[in-house]
Amino acid sequence: MAVNYTNRTGKTYYLREGKTKSGKPRYFFSAQQQGKGEVVDRIPDGYEIYEHPENAQVFLRKIRPQLITDLEKLLVNKAVKALQRSKRYLIDCKNEYITIYESGADVGNFKSIFSDLLKHTPLRPGMTADDAMNALVNATNQHYTAMLRFRLEDKERRTFTAERFCFRGAIDDWINIGGPENLKTLVEMYIELLGTDDFFDTPFF
C-alpha cells in the first residue's frame, strides 16, 4: 500500500520517489495518487513525515535528534490547551525550540456563523455536529503564525529562554522576553498572555 498522509485540513498526500540530477532518490508528497515519480510503499529508514505548522504542507524529512523531552513538550501542550481563547494553537518541536503557532482565524466567531447552517446539513453516519464543525474549521483555517517559543539554553540544567515574534517593520524577528529560567516558570509567565494585547506589550529582558 502506498504511503499517504492526511493533514489537519483533511487533504491527503501520497509519497512519491523521483531522482535528482545525480541519480539519488528524491522523496516528495503529491496530492495526486497518480503522477510523477514512483509509488513508495514504506517510509525510508531515517526519515519521518512532517506537517508544517504554518500552512499544513507535508514533507518527508530526515529524523533529527530530539533535544526537547516528552515531558517538556507535554508541559507546554497542557498550558496551551488550558487557554480559554477564540484562537487555535499548534505546538512544534524542532532542534532546541518549542514553538507555539496561533491561528489566523477567530474560531469563536466562525462557529457562531456556521452553527445554524450545520444544523440543517446532513452528516455522515457516526459524525456529530461538533465533528463537522471542527472539520470545517480545520479545512478553512489553514494559516498559523509563530508567536511564542522557548529555546533550550542549557542541556544539563534544562533552562530555557522565552522569545516572542516582533511584527514591527523595523524588527520582524524574534526578541528575547525572559530567562534563562526553568521551563515551568516561563510557561506560567507567558503562555497565558497569548491572544491578548498584553502579549505584545511584553518587555525586553
C-alpha atoms as a PDB file:
ATOM      1  CA  MET A   1       0.000   0.000   0.000  1.00  0.00           C
ATOM      2  CA  ALA A   2       1.299   3.431  -0.924  1.00  0.00           C
ATOM      3  CA  VAL A   3       2.359   5.727   1.914  1.00  0.00           C
ATOM      4  CA  ASN A   4      -0.173   8.516   2.372  1.00  0.00           C
ATOM      5  CA  TYR A   5      -0.817  11.205   4.947  1.00  0.00           C
ATOM      6  CA  THR A   6      -3.887  13.325   5.681  1.00  0.00           C
ATOM      7  CA  ASN A   7      -3.057  16.768   7.053  1.00  0.00           C
ATOM      8  CA  ARG A   8      -5.077  18.855   9.503  1.00  0.00           C
ATOM      9  CA  THR A   9      -7.217  20.368   6.726  1.00  0.00           C
ATOM     10  CA  GLY A  10      -8.335  16.910   5.611  1.00  0.00           C
ATOM     11  CA  LYS A  11      -6.255  16.850   2.426  1.00  0.00           C
ATOM     12  CA  THR A  12      -4.496  13.556   1.639  1.00  0.00           C
ATOM     13  CA  TYR A  13      -0.995  13.447   0.160  1.00  0.00           C
ATOM     14  CA  TYR A  14       0.807  10.483  -1.387  1.00  0.00           C
ATOM     15  CA  LEU A  15       4.524   9.802  -1.065  1.00  0.00           C
ATOM     16  CA  ARG A  16       6.402   9.565  -4.356  1.00  0.00           C
ATOM     17  CA  GLU A  17      10.019   8.920  -5.256  1.00  0.00           C
ATOM     18  CA  GLY A  18      11.932  10.670  -8.006  1.00  0.00           C
ATOM     19  CA  LYS A  19      15.594  11.142  -8.874  1.00  0.00           C
ATOM     20  CA  THR A  20      17.946  14.080  -8.513  1.00  0.00           C
ATOM     21  CA  LYS A  21      20.209  15.100 -11.397  1.00  0.00           C
ATOM     22  CA  SER A  22      22.934  12.951  -9.861  1.00  0.00           C
ATOM     23  CA  GLY A  23      20.635   9.926  -9.714  1.00  0.00           C
ATOM     24  CA  LYS A  24      19.990   9.936  -5.970  1.00  0.00           C
ATOM     25  CA  PRO A  25      16.460   9.279  -4.668  1.00  0.00           C
ATOM     26  CA  ARG A  26      14.308  12.316  -4.004  1.00  0.00           C
ATOM     27  CA  TYR A  27      11.110  11.950  -1.995  1.00  0.00           C
ATOM     28  CA  PHE A  28       8.107  14.242  -2.219  1.00  0.00           C
ATOM     29  CA  PHE A  29       4.397  14.267  -1.446  1.00  0.00           C
ATOM     30  CA  SER A  30       1.787  14.747  -4.154  1.00  0.00           C
ATOM     31  CA  ALA A  31      -1.927  15.448  -3.863  1.00  0.00           C
ATOM     32  CA  GLN A  32      -2.435  13.088  -6.824  1.00  0.00           C
ATOM     33  CA  GLN A  33      -2.423   9.309  -6.460  1.00  0.00           C
ATOM     34  CA  GLN A  34      -1.070   9.034  -9.984  1.00  0.00           C
ATOM     35  CA  GLY A  35       1.584  11.365 -11.321  1.00  0.00           C
ATOM     36  CA  LYS A  36       5.296  11.981 -11.465  1.00  0.00           C
ATOM     37  CA  GLY A  37       7.642   9.640  -9.648  1.00  0.00           C
ATOM     38  CA  GLU A  38       7.264   6.112  -8.353  1.00  0.00           C
ATOM     39  CA  VAL A  39       4.866   4.910  -5.659  1.00  0.00           C
ATOM     40  CA  VAL A  40       6.514   4.453  -2.241  1.00  0.00           C
ATOM     41  CA  ASP A  41       5.110   1.679  -0.036  1.00  0.00           C
ATOM     42  CA  ARG A  42       7.050   2.460   3.149  1.00  0.00           C
ATOM     43  CA  ILE A  43       8.788   5.417   4.758  1.00  0.00           C
ATOM     44  CA  PRO A  44      12.543   5.188   4.053  1.00  0.00           C
ATOM     45  CA  ASP A  45      14.799   4.440   7.009  1.00  0.00           C
ATOM     46  CA  GLY A  46      15.957   7.567   8.805  1.00  0.00           C
ATOM     47  CA  TYR A  47      13.045   9.709   7.563  1.00  0.00           C
ATOM     48  CA  GLU A  48       9.759  10.902   9.023  1.00  0.00           C
ATOM     49  CA  ILE A  49       6.638  12.697   7.828  1.00  0.00           C
ATOM     50  CA  TYR A  50       6.460  16.347   8.863  1.00  0.00           C
ATOM     51  CA  GLU A  51       3.487  18.697   8.565  1.00  0.00           C
ATOM     52  CA  HIS A  52       4.500  22.344   8.576  1.00  0.00           C
ATOM     53  CA  PRO A  53       2.542  24.198  11.282  1.00  0.00           C
ATOM     54  CA  GLU A  54       2.194  27.424   9.289  1.00  0.00           C
ATOM     55  CA  ASN A  55       0.473  26.114   6.168  1.00  0.00           C
ATOM     56  CA  ALA A  56      -0.121  22.353   6.673  1.00  0.00           C
ATOM     57  CA  GLN A  57       2.241  21.450   3.812  1.00  0.00           C
ATOM     58  CA  VAL A  58       3.571  17.906   4.116  1.00  0.00           C
ATOM     59  CA  PHE A  59       7.216  16.922   3.729  1.00  0.00           C
ATOM     60  CA  LEU A  60       9.457  13.927   4.229  1.00  0.00           C
ATOM     61  CA  ARG A  61      12.455  14.951   6.296  1.00  0.00           C
ATOM     62  CA  LYS A  62      15.405  13.265   7.929  1.00  0.00           C
ATOM     63  CA  ILE A  63      14.798  12.329  11.564  1.00  0.00           C
ATOM     64  CA  ARG A  64      16.533  14.829  13.824  1.00  0.00           C
ATOM     65  CA  PRO A  65      17.938  14.276  17.313  1.00  0.00           C
ATOM     66  CA  GLN A  66      15.268  15.009  19.928  1.00  0.00           C
ATOM     67  CA  LEU A  67      16.600  17.797  22.146  1.00  0.00           C
ATOM     68  CA  ILE A  68      13.244  18.574  23.772  1.00  0.00           C
ATOM     69  CA  THR A  69      11.960  15.895  26.157  1.00  0.00           C
ATOM     70  CA  ASP A  70       8.431  14.473  26.012  1.00  0.00           C
ATOM     71  CA  LEU A  71       7.724  15.912  29.468  1.00  0.00           C
ATOM     72  CA  GLU A  72       8.749  19.405  28.351  1.00  0.00           C
ATOM     73  CA  LYS A  73       6.525  19.210  25.299  1.00  0.00           C
ATOM     74  CA  LEU A  74       3.671  17.904  27.464  1.00  0.00           C
ATOM     75  CA  LEU A  75       4.094  20.815  29.887  1.00  0.00           C
ATOM     76  CA  VAL A  76       3.717  23.377  27.097  1.00  0.00           C
ATOM     77  CA  ASN A  77       0.883  21.493  25.422  1.00  0.00           C
ATOM     78  CA  LYS A  78      -1.095  21.286  28.667  1.00  0.00           C
ATOM     79  CA  ALA A  79      -0.743  25.016  29.304  1.00  0.00           C
ATOM     80  CA  VAL A  80      -1.857  25.875  25.761  1.00  0.00           C
ATOM     81  CA  LYS A  81      -4.885  23.591  25.951  1.00  0.00           C
ATOM     82  CA  ALA A  82      -5.943  25.330  29.171  1.00  0.00           C
ATOM     83  CA  LEU A  83      -6.253  28.685  27.372  1.00  0.00           C
ATOM     84  CA  GLN A  84      -9.797  29.997  27.061  1.00  0.00           C
ATOM     85  CA  ARG A  85      -9.325  31.734  23.736  1.00  0.00           C
ATOM     86  CA  SER A  86     -11.192  32.078  20.468  1.00  0.00           C
ATOM     87  CA  LYS A  87      -7.966  31.150  18.680  1.00  0.00           C
ATOM     88  CA  ARG A  88      -6.396  27.795  17.974  1.00  0.00           C
ATOM     89  CA  TYR A  89      -2.814  26.871  18.687  1.00  0.00           C
ATOM     90  CA  LEU A  90      -0.283  24.340  17.421  1.00  0.00           C
ATOM     91  CA  ILE A  91       2.968  23.282  19.072  1.00  0.00           C
ATOM     92  CA  ASP A  92       6.058  22.288  17.124  1.00  0.00           C
ATOM     93  CA  CYS A  93       9.356  20.987  18.496  1.00  0.00           C
ATOM     94  CA  LYS A  94      12.405  21.346  16.300  1.00  0.00           C
ATOM     95  CA  ASN A  95      16.043  21.298  17.357  1.00  0.00           C
ATOM     96  CA  GLU A  96      16.308  23.361  20.567  1.00  0.00           C
ATOM     97  CA  TYR A  97      12.967  25.162  20.123  1.00  0.00           C
ATOM     98  CA  ILE A  98       9.409  24.617  21.326  1.00  0.00           C
ATOM     99  CA  THR A  99       7.350  26.946  19.141  1.00  0.00           C
ATOM    100  CA  ILE A 100       3.700  27.895  19.567  1.00  0.00           C
ATOM    101  CA  TYR A 101       1.739  28.848  16.446  1.00  0.00           C
ATOM    102  CA  GLU A 102      -1.515  30.809  16.545  1.00  0.00           C
ATOM    103  CA  SER A 103      -4.349  30.508  14.032  1.00  0.00           C
ATOM    104  CA  GLY A 104      -5.243  33.462  11.871  1.00  0.00           C
ATOM    105  CA  ALA A 105      -8.990  32.990  12.308  1.00  0.00           C
ATOM    106  CA  ASP A 106     -11.389  33.835  15.103  1.00  0.00           C
ATOM    107  CA  VAL A 107     -12.747  30.346  15.704  1.00  0.00           C
ATOM    108  CA  GLY A 108     -15.459  31.505  18.090  1.00  0.00           C
ATOM    109  CA  ASN A 109     -16.874  33.923  15.518  1.00  0.00           C
ATOM    110  CA  PHE A 110     -16.562  31.286  12.808  1.00  0.00           C
ATOM    111  CA  LYS A 111     -18.580  28.789  14.838  1.00  0.00           C
ATOM    112  CA  SER A 112     -21.313  31.313  15.601  1.00  0.00           C
ATOM    113  CA  ILE A 113     -21.728  31.994  11.875  1.00  0.00           C
ATOM    114  CA  PHE A 114     -21.855  28.375  10.708  1.00  0.00           C
ATOM    115  CA  SER A 115     -23.512  26.614  13.665  1.00  0.00           C
ATOM    116  CA  ASP A 116     -27.055  27.212  12.371  1.00  0.00           C
ATOM    117  CA  LEU A 117     -26.054  26.103   8.876  1.00  0.00           C
ATOM    118  CA  LEU A 118     -24.714  22.793  10.170  1.00  0.00           C
ATOM    119  CA  LYS A 119     -27.972  22.078  11.993  1.00  0.00           C
ATOM    120  CA  HIS A 120     -29.649  21.682   8.604  1.00  0.00           C
ATOM    121  CA  THR A 121     -26.782  19.888   6.854  1.00  0.00           C
ATOM    122  CA  PRO A 122     -26.895  16.059   6.521  1.00  0.00           C
ATOM    123  CA  LEU A 123     -23.932  14.461   8.297  1.00  0.00           C
ATOM    124  CA  ARG A 124     -22.094  11.244   7.592  1.00  0.00           C
ATOM    125  CA  PRO A 125     -23.082   8.275   9.792  1.00  0.00           C
ATOM    126  CA  GLY A 126     -21.308   8.469  13.139  1.00  0.00           C
ATOM    127  CA  MET A 127     -20.367  12.156  12.711  1.00  0.00           C
ATOM    128  CA  THR A 128     -21.604  14.657  15.285  1.00  0.00           C
ATOM    129  CA  ALA A 129     -22.237  18.359  14.717  1.00  0.00           C
ATOM    130  CA  ASP A 130     -19.078  19.129  16.710  1.00  0.00           C
ATOM    131  CA  ASP A 131     -17.068  16.788  14.472  1.00  0.00           C
ATOM    132  CA  ALA A 132     -18.424  18.513  11.381  1.00  0.00           C
ATOM    133  CA  MET A 133     -17.675  21.960  12.801  1.00  0.00           C
ATOM    134  CA  ASN A 134     -14.108  21.014  13.708  1.00  0.00           C
ATOM    135  CA  ALA A 135     -13.546  19.569  10.231  1.00  0.00           C
ATOM    136  CA  LEU A 136     -14.933  22.747   8.660  1.00  0.00           C
ATOM    137  CA  VAL A 137     -12.747  24.980  10.843  1.00  0.00           C
ATOM    138  CA  ASN A 138      -9.637  22.942  10.043  1.00  0.00           C
ATOM    139  CA  ALA A 139     -10.361  22.951   6.323  1.00  0.00           C
ATOM    140  CA  THR A 140     -10.782  26.718   6.114  1.00  0.00           C
ATOM    141  CA  ASN A 141      -8.375  27.866   8.809  1.00  0.00           C
ATOM    142  CA  GLN A 142      -5.120  26.799   7.198  1.00  0.00           C
ATOM    143  CA  HIS A 143      -2.694  29.545   8.199  1.00  0.00           C
ATOM    144  CA  TYR A 144      -0.913  29.685  11.553  1.00  0.00           C
ATOM    145  CA  THR A 145       1.746  32.163  12.666  1.00  0.00           C
ATOM    146  CA  ALA A 146       4.659  31.522  15.032  1.00  0.00           C
ATOM    147  CA  MET A 147       4.071  33.723  18.083  1.00  0.00           C
ATOM    148  CA  LEU A 148       5.990  32.399  21.082  1.00  0.00           C
ATOM    149  CA  ARG A 149       8.864  29.990  21.518  1.00  0.00           C
ATOM    150  CA  PHE A 150      11.065  28.561  24.231  1.00  0.00           C
ATOM    151  CA  ARG A 151      14.716  27.955  23.402  1.00  0.00           C
ATOM    152  CA  LEU A 152      16.765  25.376  25.284  1.00  0.00           C
ATOM    153  CA  GLU A 153      19.782  27.204  26.669  1.00  0.00           C
ATOM    154  CA  ASP A 154      21.449  24.623  28.912  1.00  0.00           C
ATOM    155  CA  LYS A 155      21.022  20.909  28.145  1.00  0.00           C
ATOM    156  CA  GLU A 156      22.273  19.842  31.564  1.00  0.00           C
ATOM    157  CA  ARG A 157      20.334  22.297  33.741  1.00  0.00           C
ATOM    158  CA  ARG A 158      17.357  22.258  31.340  1.00  0.00           C
ATOM    159  CA  THR A 159      16.983  26.019  31.376  1.00  0.00           C
ATOM    160  CA  PHE A 160      15.208  27.934  28.617  1.00  0.00           C
ATOM    161  CA  THR A 161      14.739  31.463  27.341  1.00  0.00           C
ATOM    162  CA  ALA A 162      11.365  32.801  26.139  1.00  0.00           C
ATOM    163  CA  GLU A 163      11.090  34.680  22.847  1.00  0.00           C
ATOM    164  CA  ARG A 164       8.159  36.278  21.063  1.00  0.00           C
ATOM    165  CA  PHE A 165       7.984  37.334  17.449  1.00  0.00           C
ATOM    166  CA  CYS A 166       8.007  41.096  16.938  1.00  0.00           C
ATOM    167  CA  PHE A 167       5.958  42.225  13.938  1.00  0.00           C
ATOM    168  CA  ARG A 168       7.200  45.813  13.889  1.00  0.00           C
ATOM    169  CA  GLY A 169       8.588  46.676  10.468  1.00  0.00           C
ATOM    170  CA  ALA A 170      11.913  47.767  11.902  1.00  0.00           C
ATOM    171  CA  ILE A 171      12.431  44.393  13.587  1.00  0.00           C
ATOM    172  CA  ASP A 172      10.314  41.498  12.208  1.00  0.00           C
ATOM    173  CA  ASP A 173      12.296  38.987  14.184  1.00  0.00           C
ATOM    174  CA  TRP A 174      12.367  37.037  17.432  1.00  0.00           C
ATOM    175  CA  ILE A 175      13.093  39.035  20.563  1.00  0.00           C
ATOM    176  CA  ASN A 176      14.085  37.762  23.988  1.00  0.00           C
ATOM    177  CA  ILE A 177      11.471  38.367  26.691  1.00  0.00           C
ATOM    178  CA  GLY A 178      12.644  36.198  29.585  1.00  0.00           C
ATOM    179  CA  GLY A 179      15.119  33.705  31.016  1.00  0.00           C
ATOM    180  CA  PRO A 180      17.269  31.766  31.253  1.00  0.00           C
ATOM    181  CA  GLU A 181      14.862  30.026  33.628  1.00  0.00           C
ATOM    182  CA  ASN A 182      13.258  26.642  34.154  1.00  0.00           C
ATOM    183  CA  LEU A 183      10.574  25.889  31.572  1.00  0.00           C
ATOM    184  CA  LYS A 184       7.689  25.665  34.036  1.00  0.00           C
ATOM    185  CA  THR A 185       8.282  29.224  35.243  1.00  0.00           C
ATOM    186  CA  LEU A 186       8.422  30.610  31.704  1.00  0.00           C
ATOM    187  CA  VAL A 187       5.322  28.688  30.657  1.00  0.00           C
ATOM    188  CA  GLU A 188       3.347  30.099  33.593  1.00  0.00           C
ATOM    189  CA  MET A 189       4.535  33.633  32.823  1.00  0.00           C
ATOM    190  CA  TYR A 190       3.950  33.865  29.085  1.00  0.00           C
ATOM    191  CA  ILE A 191       1.514  31.326  27.678  1.00  0.00           C
ATOM    192  CA  GLU A 192      -1.435  32.901  29.481  1.00  0.00           C
ATOM    193  CA  LEU A 193      -0.702  36.133  27.562  1.00  0.00           C
ATOM    194  CA  LEU A 194      -1.249  34.530  24.143  1.00  0.00           C
ATOM    195  CA  GLY A 195      -4.226  36.001  22.313  1.00  0.00           C
ATOM    196  CA  THR A 196      -4.242  39.159  24.441  1.00  0.00           C
ATOM    197  CA  ASP A 197      -2.993  42.700  23.902  1.00  0.00           C
ATOM    198  CA  ASP A 198      -0.640  42.266  26.844  1.00  0.00           C
ATOM    199  CA  PHE A 199       1.330  39.700  24.864  1.00  0.00           C
ATOM    200  CA  PHE A 200       2.580  42.419  22.503  1.00  0.00           C
ATOM    201  CA  ASP A 201       3.474  44.685  25.418  1.00  0.00           C
ATOM    202  CA  THR A 202       5.747  42.045  26.925  1.00  0.00           C
ATOM    203  CA  PRO A 203       9.024  43.909  27.617  1.00  0.00           C
ATOM    204  CA  PHE A 204      12.573  43.012  26.746  1.00  0.00           C
ATOM    205  CA  PHE A 205      14.665  41.338  29.400  1.00  0.00           C
END
